[in-house]
Amino acid sequence: MSVGNWTIHTGVAVSIPREDIDTDQILPKQFMKLIDKKGFGKHLFFDWRYLDTEGKVPNPKFILNQDGYENASVLIAGKNFGCGSSREHAPWALSDFGFKAILAPSFADIFSINSAKNGIALVRLKEEEIQNINEWVSKNSGSQIRINLETLEVQAGDYTFPFQLDSASINRIRNGWDDIDITLKNSNEILEFEGIRRKEKPYLEVYW
């Protein structure tokens, strides 16, 4: 299933300045029963967002429950964001909530791979740059941050910081490609290979 594509995104920024936010905190394990990518956003950061176990009593102290942040789409976090298990459900929840970019000093490796598949740009900045943006956000509640995948720059008020992102991730995000889309780009080559294989090794053919 294709995900939403974008090249330049401007969105409300929200800061959760914690280090080592892991996949269990992003999406607790009890919500991983579904295999469809939709519907996970309401469970994002569940243990922090709600005071009860059913998700009916919002925690007023948690930032995403406060006025102006309901539609936040740019997340600012501490280093090693997305550590923990390798499951893809965590990016599903972030994407389904509406996040398009995450700004942090570092990210877990497998989480980085899964994020691009789901249209999320991981923007690695220096710790002092993250601190500058956090201070700006705290003084400008509800303000927007702009991420440009063409120039590889992030802009927050008067701050403009360059960042690096591999071309494969950029292409995934800009075109809305997931693994199936990338595989189908080579459909002609796949069909050609299968045609040759059937002729050379007919005994491998499976009949249903």
N, C-alpha and C. Protein backbone atom coordinates (compact mmCIF):
# COMPACT_ATOMS: atom_id res chain seq x y z
N MET A 1 0.85 -1.19 0.00
CA MET A 1 0.00 0.00 0.00
C MET A 1 0.88 1.24 0.00
N SER A 2 0.67 2.13 -0.94
CA SER A 2 1.45 3.36 -1.02
C SER A 2 1.12 4.26 0.14
N VAL A 3 2.13 5.06 0.52
CA VAL A 3 1.94 6.04 1.59
C VAL A 3 1.95 7.43 0.97
N GLY A 4 1.53 8.40 1.75
CA GLY A 4 1.48 9.77 1.26
C GLY A 4 2.86 10.29 0.89
N ASN A 5 2.94 11.02 -0.22
CA ASN A 5 4.23 11.53 -0.69
C ASN A 5 4.33 13.03 -0.46
N TRP A 6 5.55 13.50 -0.24
CA TRP A 6 5.79 14.94 -0.07
C TRP A 6 7.25 15.25 -0.32
N THR A 7 7.51 16.50 -0.69
CA THR A 7 8.88 16.99 -0.90
C THR A 7 9.20 18.12 0.07
N ILE A 8 8.25 19.02 0.26
CA ILE A 8 8.40 20.11 1.22
C ILE A 8 7.21 20.05 2.17
N HIS A 9 7.50 19.98 3.43
CA HIS A 9 6.42 19.91 4.42
C HIS A 9 6.59 21.00 5.46
N THR A 10 5.50 21.70 5.73
CA THR A 10 5.46 22.69 6.79
C THR A 10 4.35 22.29 7.75
N GLY A 11 4.72 22.10 9.02
CA GLY A 11 3.72 21.64 9.97
C GLY A 11 4.00 22.07 11.39
N VAL A 12 2.98 21.98 12.22
CA VAL A 12 3.10 22.34 13.63
C VAL A 12 4.10 21.40 14.30
N ALA A 13 5.02 22.00 15.06
CA ALA A 13 6.06 21.23 15.73
C ALA A 13 5.70 20.97 17.18
N VAL A 14 6.00 19.76 17.62
CA VAL A 14 5.79 19.38 19.02
C VAL A 14 7.07 18.76 19.54
N SER A 15 7.43 19.12 20.76
CA SER A 15 8.68 18.63 21.34
C SER A 15 8.40 17.63 22.46
N ILE A 16 9.03 16.47 22.35
CA ILE A 16 9.04 15.48 23.43
C ILE A 16 10.52 15.22 23.72
N PRO A 17 11.14 16.08 24.51
CA PRO A 17 12.60 16.07 24.68
C PRO A 17 13.12 14.96 25.59
N ARG A 18 12.87 13.73 25.18
CA ARG A 18 13.34 12.58 25.94
C ARG A 18 14.32 11.78 25.08
N GLU A 19 15.31 11.20 25.71
CA GLU A 19 16.23 10.32 25.02
C GLU A 19 15.72 8.88 25.09
N ASP A 20 16.16 8.07 24.13
CA ASP A 20 15.87 6.63 24.12
C ASP A 20 14.38 6.32 24.15
N ILE A 21 13.59 7.08 23.42
CA ILE A 21 12.17 6.75 23.28
C ILE A 21 12.09 5.49 22.42
N ASP A 22 11.61 4.40 23.01
CA ASP A 22 11.63 3.13 22.28
C ASP A 22 10.28 2.81 21.65
N THR A 23 10.27 1.72 20.91
CA THR A 23 9.07 1.37 20.15
C THR A 23 7.91 0.97 21.05
N ASP A 24 8.19 0.48 22.25
CA ASP A 24 7.11 0.15 23.19
C ASP A 24 6.45 1.42 23.72
N GLN A 25 7.22 2.49 23.85
CA GLN A 25 6.64 3.76 24.27
C GLN A 25 5.88 4.42 23.13
N ILE A 26 6.40 4.25 21.92
CA ILE A 26 5.72 4.81 20.75
C ILE A 26 4.38 4.10 20.52
N LEU A 27 4.41 2.76 20.56
CA LEU A 27 3.19 1.97 20.41
C LEU A 27 3.30 0.74 21.29
N PRO A 28 2.59 0.70 22.43
CA PRO A 28 2.64 -0.47 23.32
C PRO A 28 2.20 -1.74 22.61
N LYS A 29 2.74 -2.86 23.07
CA LYS A 29 2.57 -4.15 22.40
C LYS A 29 1.13 -4.62 22.29
N GLN A 30 0.26 -4.18 23.20
CA GLN A 30 -1.13 -4.69 23.16
C GLN A 30 -1.92 -4.18 21.95
N PHE A 31 -1.35 -3.21 21.22
CA PHE A 31 -2.05 -2.66 20.07
C PHE A 31 -1.49 -3.17 18.75
N MET A 32 -0.71 -4.23 18.79
CA MET A 32 -0.09 -4.74 17.56
C MET A 32 -0.82 -5.95 16.99
N LYS A 33 -2.10 -6.04 17.24
CA LYS A 33 -2.86 -7.19 16.77
C LYS A 33 -3.28 -7.06 15.31
N LEU A 34 -3.33 -5.83 14.82
CA LEU A 34 -3.75 -5.60 13.44
C LEU A 34 -2.55 -5.62 12.51
N ILE A 35 -2.79 -5.95 11.25
CA ILE A 35 -1.71 -5.94 10.26
C ILE A 35 -1.88 -4.82 9.25
N ASP A 36 -3.03 -4.13 9.28
CA ASP A 36 -3.25 -2.98 8.40
C ASP A 36 -2.56 -1.77 9.02
N LYS A 37 -2.07 -0.87 8.17
CA LYS A 37 -1.32 0.28 8.68
C LYS A 37 -2.20 1.36 9.30
N LYS A 38 -3.48 1.31 9.02
CA LYS A 38 -4.38 2.36 9.49
C LYS A 38 -4.95 2.05 10.87
N GLY A 39 -5.21 3.11 11.63
CA GLY A 39 -5.88 2.96 12.91
C GLY A 39 -4.96 2.94 14.11
N PHE A 40 -3.66 3.03 13.89
CA PHE A 40 -2.73 2.98 15.00
C PHE A 40 -2.47 4.35 15.64
N GLY A 41 -2.79 5.41 14.92
CA GLY A 41 -2.50 6.75 15.41
C GLY A 41 -3.13 7.07 16.75
N LYS A 42 -4.32 6.54 16.99
CA LYS A 42 -5.02 6.82 18.25
C LYS A 42 -4.34 6.17 19.44
N HIS A 43 -3.44 5.21 19.16
CA HIS A 43 -2.72 4.53 20.24
C HIS A 43 -1.30 5.05 20.42
N LEU A 44 -0.90 6.03 19.62
CA LEU A 44 0.46 6.56 19.69
C LEU A 44 0.77 7.13 21.08
N PHE A 45 1.92 6.74 21.63
CA PHE A 45 2.33 7.19 22.97
C PHE A 45 1.22 6.96 24.00
N PHE A 46 0.54 5.83 23.87
CA PHE A 46 -0.66 5.55 24.66
C PHE A 46 -0.45 5.73 26.17
N ASP A 47 0.62 5.16 26.70
CA ASP A 47 0.84 5.21 28.15
C ASP A 47 1.10 6.62 28.65
N TRP A 48 1.52 7.51 27.76
CA TRP A 48 1.76 8.90 28.14
C TRP A 48 0.52 9.77 27.88
N ARG A 49 -0.24 9.39 26.87
CA ARG A 49 -1.39 10.21 26.47
C ARG A 49 -2.62 10.01 27.33
N TYR A 50 -2.73 8.83 27.96
CA TYR A 50 -3.96 8.52 28.69
C TYR A 50 -3.68 8.12 30.14
N LEU A 51 -4.65 8.39 30.98
CA LEU A 51 -4.54 8.08 32.40
C LEU A 51 -5.18 6.74 32.74
N ASP A 52 -5.93 6.17 31.80
CA ASP A 52 -6.58 4.89 32.02
C ASP A 52 -6.09 3.87 31.00
N THR A 53 -6.52 2.64 31.13
CA THR A 53 -6.06 1.57 30.24
C THR A 53 -6.92 1.43 28.99
N GLU A 54 -8.00 2.19 28.91
CA GLU A 54 -8.90 2.09 27.76
C GLU A 54 -8.78 3.28 26.81
N GLY A 55 -7.97 4.25 27.14
CA GLY A 55 -7.78 5.40 26.27
C GLY A 55 -8.95 6.35 26.24
N LYS A 56 -9.66 6.44 27.37
CA LYS A 56 -10.82 7.33 27.44
C LYS A 56 -10.56 8.57 28.29
N VAL A 57 -9.46 8.57 29.05
CA VAL A 57 -9.15 9.70 29.93
C VAL A 57 -7.80 10.29 29.52
N PRO A 58 -7.80 11.34 28.71
CA PRO A 58 -6.55 11.95 28.27
C PRO A 58 -5.76 12.53 29.44
N ASN A 59 -4.46 12.42 29.34
CA ASN A 59 -3.58 13.04 30.32
C ASN A 59 -3.37 14.50 29.93
N PRO A 60 -3.90 15.46 30.68
CA PRO A 60 -3.82 16.87 30.28
C PRO A 60 -2.39 17.41 30.29
N LYS A 61 -1.47 16.71 30.95
CA LYS A 61 -0.09 17.19 31.02
C LYS A 61 0.72 16.78 29.79
N PHE A 62 0.22 15.78 29.04
CA PHE A 62 0.98 15.33 27.89
C PHE A 62 0.75 16.28 26.71
N ILE A 63 1.82 16.62 26.02
CA ILE A 63 1.82 17.69 25.04
C ILE A 63 0.81 17.47 23.91
N LEU A 64 0.64 16.24 23.44
CA LEU A 64 -0.27 16.01 22.31
C LEU A 64 -1.74 16.20 22.69
N ASN A 65 -2.02 16.28 23.98
CA ASN A 65 -3.38 16.51 24.43
C ASN A 65 -3.67 17.98 24.70
N GLN A 66 -2.70 18.82 24.48
CA GLN A 66 -2.86 20.23 24.76
C GLN A 66 -3.28 21.01 23.51
N ASP A 67 -3.97 22.11 23.72
CA ASP A 67 -4.49 22.91 22.61
C ASP A 67 -3.38 23.31 21.65
N GLY A 68 -3.66 23.17 20.37
CA GLY A 68 -2.72 23.58 19.33
C GLY A 68 -1.83 22.47 18.82
N TYR A 69 -1.85 21.32 19.49
CA TYR A 69 -0.95 20.24 19.08
C TYR A 69 -1.68 19.01 18.56
N GLU A 70 -3.01 19.11 18.44
CA GLU A 70 -3.78 17.96 17.96
C GLU A 70 -3.38 17.54 16.56
N ASN A 71 -2.94 18.51 15.75
CA ASN A 71 -2.57 18.22 14.36
C ASN A 71 -1.07 18.38 14.12
N ALA A 72 -0.29 18.19 15.17
CA ALA A 72 1.16 18.30 15.02
C ALA A 72 1.67 17.28 14.00
N SER A 73 2.63 17.69 13.19
CA SER A 73 3.16 16.78 12.16
C SER A 73 4.68 16.76 12.12
N VAL A 74 5.33 17.54 12.99
CA VAL A 74 6.80 17.54 13.10
C VAL A 74 7.14 17.29 14.56
N LEU A 75 7.85 16.20 14.81
CA LEU A 75 8.19 15.81 16.17
C LEU A 75 9.67 16.08 16.44
N ILE A 76 9.96 16.68 17.60
CA ILE A 76 11.34 16.92 18.02
C ILE A 76 11.60 16.06 19.24
N ALA A 77 12.66 15.26 19.19
CA ALA A 77 12.92 14.31 20.27
C ALA A 77 14.41 14.25 20.59
N GLY A 78 14.74 13.47 21.63
CA GLY A 78 16.13 13.27 22.02
C GLY A 78 16.80 12.19 21.21
N LYS A 79 18.05 11.92 21.52
CA LYS A 79 18.84 10.96 20.75
C LYS A 79 18.35 9.53 20.92
N ASN A 80 18.70 8.71 19.95
CA ASN A 80 18.36 7.28 19.91
C ASN A 80 16.86 7.06 19.88
N PHE A 81 16.16 7.88 19.13
CA PHE A 81 14.71 7.73 18.99
C PHE A 81 14.41 6.45 18.21
N GLY A 82 13.41 5.70 18.65
CA GLY A 82 12.98 4.50 17.94
C GLY A 82 13.77 3.25 18.27
N CYS A 83 14.48 3.26 19.39
CA CYS A 83 15.23 2.07 19.79
C CYS A 83 14.25 0.99 20.26
N GLY A 84 14.77 -0.19 20.54
CA GLY A 84 13.90 -1.27 20.99
C GLY A 84 13.70 -2.32 19.91
N SER A 85 12.51 -2.83 19.79
CA SER A 85 12.24 -3.91 18.84
C SER A 85 12.24 -3.40 17.40
N SER A 86 12.25 -4.35 16.47
CA SER A 86 12.36 -4.00 15.05
C SER A 86 11.02 -3.84 14.37
N ARG A 87 9.92 -3.98 15.09
CA ARG A 87 8.61 -3.98 14.45
C ARG A 87 8.30 -2.65 13.76
N GLU A 88 7.57 -2.75 12.66
CA GLU A 88 7.24 -1.58 11.85
C GLU A 88 6.01 -0.84 12.38
N HIS A 89 5.34 -1.40 13.37
CA HIS A 89 4.12 -0.79 13.88
C HIS A 89 4.35 0.61 14.45
N ALA A 90 5.53 0.86 15.00
CA ALA A 90 5.80 2.18 15.58
C ALA A 90 5.74 3.28 14.51
N PRO A 91 6.43 3.13 13.37
CA PRO A 91 6.25 4.13 12.30
C PRO A 91 4.83 4.18 11.77
N TRP A 92 4.12 3.05 11.74
CA TRP A 92 2.72 3.07 11.32
C TRP A 92 1.92 4.02 12.21
N ALA A 93 2.14 3.93 13.52
CA ALA A 93 1.39 4.78 14.45
C ALA A 93 1.74 6.25 14.27
N LEU A 94 3.02 6.54 14.10
CA LEU A 94 3.46 7.93 13.90
C LEU A 94 2.88 8.50 12.62
N SER A 95 2.93 7.71 11.54
CA SER A 95 2.41 8.16 10.26
C SER A 95 0.90 8.33 10.30
N ASP A 96 0.21 7.38 10.92
CA ASP A 96 -1.24 7.44 10.99
C ASP A 96 -1.72 8.63 11.81
N PHE A 97 -0.95 9.01 12.82
CA PHE A 97 -1.29 10.20 13.61
C PHE A 97 -1.15 11.45 12.75
N GLY A 98 -0.16 11.44 11.83
CA GLY A 98 0.04 12.58 10.95
C GLY A 98 1.45 13.12 10.91
N PHE A 99 2.39 12.47 11.58
CA PHE A 99 3.77 12.96 11.59
C PHE A 99 4.44 12.69 10.25
N LYS A 100 5.09 13.74 9.73
CA LYS A 100 5.81 13.64 8.46
C LYS A 100 7.32 13.69 8.67
N ALA A 101 7.77 14.23 9.79
CA ALA A 101 9.20 14.34 10.03
C ALA A 101 9.48 14.27 11.53
N ILE A 102 10.63 13.70 11.86
CA ILE A 102 11.09 13.63 13.24
C ILE A 102 12.50 14.21 13.28
N LEU A 103 12.72 15.16 14.17
CA LEU A 103 14.01 15.80 14.34
C LEU A 103 14.65 15.27 15.62
N ALA A 104 15.87 14.74 15.51
CA ALA A 104 16.56 14.20 16.68
C ALA A 104 18.05 14.08 16.35
N PRO A 105 18.90 13.98 17.39
CA PRO A 105 20.33 13.81 17.12
C PRO A 105 20.68 12.45 16.54
N SER A 106 19.88 11.42 16.84
CA SER A 106 20.17 10.09 16.31
C SER A 106 18.92 9.22 16.39
N PHE A 107 18.92 8.16 15.56
CA PHE A 107 17.78 7.25 15.48
C PHE A 107 18.28 5.81 15.46
N ALA A 108 17.45 4.90 15.93
CA ALA A 108 17.79 3.47 15.84
C ALA A 108 17.80 3.05 14.38
N ASP A 109 18.68 2.12 14.04
CA ASP A 109 18.90 1.76 12.63
C ASP A 109 17.65 1.18 11.96
N ILE A 110 17.05 0.16 12.56
CA ILE A 110 15.90 -0.48 11.92
C ILE A 110 14.72 0.48 11.86
N PHE A 111 14.54 1.29 12.89
CA PHE A 111 13.48 2.29 12.87
C PHE A 111 13.69 3.24 11.71
N SER A 112 14.94 3.58 11.42
CA SER A 112 15.24 4.48 10.30
C SER A 112 14.79 3.89 8.98
N ILE A 113 15.03 2.60 8.78
CA ILE A 113 14.62 1.94 7.55
C ILE A 113 13.10 1.92 7.42
N ASN A 114 12.43 1.59 8.50
CA ASN A 114 10.97 1.49 8.47
C ASN A 114 10.28 2.83 8.29
N SER A 115 10.89 3.90 8.79
CA SER A 115 10.25 5.21 8.73
C SER A 115 10.09 5.71 7.30
N ALA A 116 11.13 5.60 6.50
CA ALA A 116 11.06 6.08 5.12
C ALA A 116 9.98 5.34 4.34
N LYS A 117 9.77 4.06 4.65
CA LYS A 117 8.72 3.28 3.99
C LYS A 117 7.34 3.86 4.25
N ASN A 118 7.23 4.60 5.34
CA ASN A 118 5.93 5.12 5.75
C ASN A 118 5.84 6.64 5.63
N GLY A 119 6.69 7.21 4.79
CA GLY A 119 6.60 8.64 4.48
C GLY A 119 7.11 9.57 5.55
N ILE A 120 7.93 9.05 6.47
CA ILE A 120 8.46 9.87 7.56
C ILE A 120 9.93 10.16 7.32
N ALA A 121 10.29 11.44 7.29
CA ALA A 121 11.68 11.84 7.13
C ALA A 121 12.33 11.97 8.50
N LEU A 122 13.45 11.30 8.67
CA LEU A 122 14.21 11.40 9.92
C LEU A 122 15.34 12.41 9.72
N VAL A 123 15.22 13.52 10.43
CA VAL A 123 16.15 14.64 10.27
C VAL A 123 17.15 14.61 11.42
N ARG A 124 18.38 14.24 11.12
CA ARG A 124 19.42 14.19 12.13
C ARG A 124 20.10 15.55 12.24
N LEU A 125 20.05 16.13 13.43
CA LEU A 125 20.69 17.40 13.68
C LEU A 125 21.61 17.28 14.88
N LYS A 126 22.52 18.21 15.00
CA LYS A 126 23.41 18.23 16.16
C LYS A 126 22.60 18.52 17.42
N GLU A 127 23.12 18.07 18.56
CA GLU A 127 22.38 18.26 19.81
C GLU A 127 22.13 19.73 20.10
N GLU A 128 23.12 20.57 19.80
CA GLU A 128 22.93 22.00 20.05
C GLU A 128 21.89 22.61 19.10
N GLU A 129 21.78 22.05 17.89
CA GLU A 129 20.75 22.52 16.96
C GLU A 129 19.35 22.11 17.44
N ILE A 130 19.25 20.88 17.92
CA ILE A 130 17.98 20.44 18.50
C ILE A 130 17.62 21.31 19.70
N GLN A 131 18.59 21.64 20.52
CA GLN A 131 18.34 22.49 21.67
C GLN A 131 17.84 23.87 21.24
N ASN A 132 18.45 24.43 20.19
CA ASN A 132 18.03 25.74 19.69
C ASN A 132 16.58 25.69 19.20
N ILE A 133 16.24 24.62 18.47
CA ILE A 133 14.87 24.49 17.96
C ILE A 133 13.89 24.29 19.11
N ASN A 134 14.28 23.49 20.10
CA ASN A 134 13.40 23.27 21.25
C ASN A 134 13.12 24.58 21.99
N GLU A 135 14.14 25.39 22.14
CA GLU A 135 13.96 26.68 22.81
C GLU A 135 13.05 27.58 22.00
N TRP A 136 13.20 27.55 20.68
CA TRP A 136 12.35 28.36 19.81
C TRP A 136 10.91 27.90 19.89
N VAL A 137 10.71 26.57 19.88
CA VAL A 137 9.35 26.02 19.96
C VAL A 137 8.70 26.38 21.28
N SER A 138 9.47 26.31 22.37
CA SER A 138 8.91 26.61 23.69
C SER A 138 8.46 28.06 23.80
N LYS A 139 9.11 28.95 23.05
CA LYS A 139 8.74 30.36 23.07
C LYS A 139 7.69 30.71 22.02
N ASN A 140 7.47 29.78 21.09
CA ASN A 140 6.52 30.03 20.00
C ASN A 140 5.58 28.84 19.89
N SER A 141 4.79 28.64 20.92
CA SER A 141 3.90 27.49 20.98
C SER A 141 2.98 27.41 19.76
N GLY A 142 2.91 26.24 19.17
CA GLY A 142 2.05 26.04 18.01
C GLY A 142 2.64 26.50 16.69
N SER A 143 3.90 26.93 16.71
CA SER A 143 4.53 27.40 15.47
C SER A 143 4.90 26.23 14.57
N GLN A 144 5.18 26.57 13.32
CA GLN A 144 5.45 25.54 12.32
C GLN A 144 6.92 25.47 11.95
N ILE A 145 7.33 24.28 11.57
CA ILE A 145 8.68 24.03 11.08
C ILE A 145 8.58 23.53 9.64
N ARG A 146 9.54 23.94 8.83
CA ARG A 146 9.54 23.59 7.41
C ARG A 146 10.70 22.65 7.10
N ILE A 147 10.40 21.52 6.47
CA ILE A 147 11.42 20.56 6.06
C ILE A 147 11.41 20.46 4.55
N ASN A 148 12.56 20.64 3.94
CA ASN A 148 12.69 20.63 2.48
C ASN A 148 13.60 19.49 2.06
N LEU A 149 13.06 18.52 1.35
CA LEU A 149 13.84 17.37 0.91
C LEU A 149 14.63 17.65 -0.37
N GLU A 150 14.36 18.79 -1.00
CA GLU A 150 15.14 19.18 -2.18
C GLU A 150 16.46 19.82 -1.75
N THR A 151 16.36 20.78 -0.84
CA THR A 151 17.57 21.49 -0.38
C THR A 151 18.18 20.83 0.85
N LEU A 152 17.48 19.86 1.44
CA LEU A 152 17.90 19.20 2.67
C LEU A 152 18.18 20.23 3.76
N GLU A 153 17.16 21.01 4.03
CA GLU A 153 17.24 22.03 5.07
C GLU A 153 15.97 21.99 5.93
N VAL A 154 16.15 22.30 7.20
CA VAL A 154 15.01 22.45 8.10
C VAL A 154 15.02 23.89 8.60
N GLN A 155 13.86 24.53 8.58
CA GLN A 155 13.74 25.92 8.97
C GLN A 155 12.75 26.06 10.12
N ALA A 156 13.23 26.70 11.20
CA ALA A 156 12.39 26.98 12.36
C ALA A 156 12.62 28.44 12.76
N GLY A 157 11.69 29.30 12.42
CA GLY A 157 11.86 30.72 12.69
C GLY A 157 13.06 31.25 11.93
N ASP A 158 14.00 31.85 12.64
CA ASP A 158 15.21 32.38 12.02
C ASP A 158 16.30 31.33 11.87
N TYR A 159 16.06 30.14 12.38
CA TYR A 159 17.05 29.07 12.28
C TYR A 159 16.87 28.29 10.98
N THR A 160 17.98 28.03 10.32
CA THR A 160 17.99 27.14 9.16
C THR A 160 19.18 26.20 9.30
N PHE A 161 18.90 24.91 9.35
CA PHE A 161 19.95 23.92 9.54
C PHE A 161 19.94 22.92 8.40
N PRO A 162 21.12 22.60 7.84
CA PRO A 162 21.19 21.55 6.82
C PRO A 162 21.18 20.18 7.49
N PHE A 163 20.75 19.19 6.75
CA PHE A 163 20.79 17.82 7.25
C PHE A 163 21.06 16.88 6.08
N GLN A 164 21.36 15.65 6.39
CA GLN A 164 21.63 14.65 5.36
C GLN A 164 20.59 13.54 5.44
N LEU A 165 20.19 13.06 4.28
CA LEU A 165 19.26 11.94 4.19
C LEU A 165 19.59 11.17 2.92
N ASP A 166 19.71 9.87 3.02
CA ASP A 166 20.11 9.07 1.87
C ASP A 166 19.08 9.16 0.74
N SER A 167 19.57 9.00 -0.48
CA SER A 167 18.72 9.18 -1.66
C SER A 167 17.59 8.17 -1.73
N ALA A 168 17.83 6.94 -1.23
CA ALA A 168 16.77 5.93 -1.26
C ALA A 168 15.60 6.35 -0.39
N SER A 169 15.88 6.89 0.79
CA SER A 169 14.82 7.35 1.68
C SER A 169 14.09 8.55 1.08
N ILE A 170 14.84 9.46 0.48
CA ILE A 170 14.23 10.63 -0.15
C ILE A 170 13.28 10.20 -1.26
N ASN A 171 13.72 9.26 -2.09
CA ASN A 171 12.87 8.79 -3.19
C ASN A 171 11.61 8.11 -2.67
N ARG A 172 11.74 7.33 -1.61
CA ARG A 172 10.57 6.70 -1.02
C ARG A 172 9.57 7.75 -0.57
N ILE A 173 10.04 8.75 0.16
CA ILE A 173 9.15 9.76 0.73
C ILE A 173 8.55 10.65 -0.36
N ARG A 174 9.37 11.08 -1.30
CA ARG A 174 8.88 11.99 -2.35
C ARG A 174 7.88 11.31 -3.27
N ASN A 175 8.03 10.00 -3.47
CA ASN A 175 7.15 9.29 -4.39
C ASN A 175 6.08 8.46 -3.68
N GLY A 176 6.14 8.39 -2.35
CA GLY A 176 5.17 7.61 -1.61
C GLY A 176 5.32 6.11 -1.83
N TRP A 177 6.57 5.65 -2.02
CA TRP A 177 6.82 4.25 -2.32
C TRP A 177 7.00 3.44 -1.05
N ASP A 178 6.34 2.27 -0.98
CA ASP A 178 6.67 1.28 0.03
C ASP A 178 7.39 0.13 -0.68
N ASP A 179 7.65 -0.97 0.03
CA ASP A 179 8.42 -2.07 -0.57
C ASP A 179 7.71 -2.68 -1.78
N ILE A 180 6.38 -2.76 -1.72
CA ILE A 180 5.63 -3.34 -2.83
C ILE A 180 5.75 -2.45 -4.07
N ASP A 181 5.65 -1.14 -3.88
CA ASP A 181 5.78 -0.22 -5.01
C ASP A 181 7.14 -0.36 -5.68
N ILE A 182 8.20 -0.46 -4.88
CA ILE A 182 9.55 -0.58 -5.43
C ILE A 182 9.71 -1.90 -6.17
N THR A 183 9.11 -2.96 -5.63
CA THR A 183 9.17 -4.26 -6.32
C THR A 183 8.45 -4.19 -7.66
N LEU A 184 7.27 -3.56 -7.68
CA LEU A 184 6.48 -3.48 -8.91
C LEU A 184 7.15 -2.61 -9.98
N LYS A 185 8.07 -1.75 -9.58
CA LYS A 185 8.82 -0.97 -10.57
C LYS A 185 9.63 -1.88 -11.48
N ASN A 186 9.94 -3.08 -10.97
CA ASN A 186 10.73 -4.03 -11.76
C ASN A 186 9.86 -5.18 -12.27
N SER A 187 8.56 -4.91 -12.45
CA SER A 187 7.63 -5.98 -12.84
C SER A 187 8.00 -6.60 -14.19
N ASN A 188 8.47 -5.80 -15.14
CA ASN A 188 8.84 -6.35 -16.46
C ASN A 188 10.00 -7.34 -16.32
N GLU A 189 11.00 -6.97 -15.53
CA GLU A 189 12.15 -7.85 -15.33
C GLU A 189 11.72 -9.12 -14.59
N ILE A 190 10.81 -8.98 -13.65
CA ILE A 190 10.33 -10.14 -12.90
C ILE A 190 9.60 -11.10 -13.83
N LEU A 191 8.72 -10.57 -14.68
CA LEU A 191 7.98 -11.42 -15.61
C LEU A 191 8.92 -12.11 -16.60
N GLU A 192 9.93 -11.37 -17.05
CA GLU A 192 10.90 -11.96 -17.97
C GLU A 192 11.66 -13.11 -17.31
N PHE A 193 12.07 -12.89 -16.06
CA PHE A 193 12.78 -13.93 -15.32
C PHE A 193 11.89 -15.16 -15.13
N GLU A 194 10.65 -14.94 -14.77
CA GLU A 194 9.74 -16.07 -14.55
C GLU A 194 9.50 -16.85 -15.84
N GLY A 195 9.44 -16.13 -16.98
CA GLY A 195 9.25 -16.80 -18.26
C GLY A 195 10.42 -17.70 -18.59
N ILE A 196 11.63 -17.21 -18.35
CA ILE A 196 12.83 -18.01 -18.60
C ILE A 196 12.89 -19.20 -17.65
N ARG A 197 12.55 -18.96 -16.37
CA ARG A 197 12.60 -20.03 -15.38
C ARG A 197 11.63 -21.17 -15.72
N ARG A 198 10.45 -20.82 -16.22
CA ARG A 198 9.47 -21.84 -16.56
C ARG A 198 9.97 -22.74 -17.69
N LYS A 199 10.70 -22.13 -18.63
CA LYS A 199 11.22 -22.91 -19.76
C LYS A 199 12.39 -23.78 -19.33
N GLU A 200 13.27 -23.23 -18.50
CA GLU A 200 14.48 -23.96 -18.11
C GLU A 200 14.21 -24.99 -17.02
N LYS A 201 13.27 -24.70 -16.12
CA LYS A 201 13.01 -25.59 -14.99
C LYS A 201 11.50 -25.77 -14.80
N PRO A 202 10.85 -26.39 -15.77
CA PRO A 202 9.39 -26.56 -15.69
C PRO A 202 8.95 -27.37 -14.49
N TYR A 203 9.86 -28.20 -13.96
CA TYR A 203 9.52 -29.04 -12.83
C TYR A 203 9.33 -28.25 -11.54
N LEU A 204 9.72 -26.96 -11.55
CA LEU A 204 9.52 -26.11 -10.38
C LEU A 204 8.17 -25.42 -10.40
N GLU A 205 7.45 -25.55 -11.52
CA GLU A 205 6.15 -24.89 -11.63
C GLU A 205 5.18 -25.48 -10.62
N VAL A 206 4.43 -24.60 -9.98
CA VAL A 206 3.46 -25.03 -8.99
C VAL A 206 2.08 -24.88 -9.60
N TYR A 207 1.27 -25.95 -9.54
CA TYR A 207 -0.08 -25.91 -10.08
C TYR A 207 -1.07 -25.88 -8.91
N TRP A 208 -2.02 -24.99 -8.99
CA TRP A 208 -2.98 -24.84 -7.89
C TRP A 208 -4.31 -25.50 -8.28
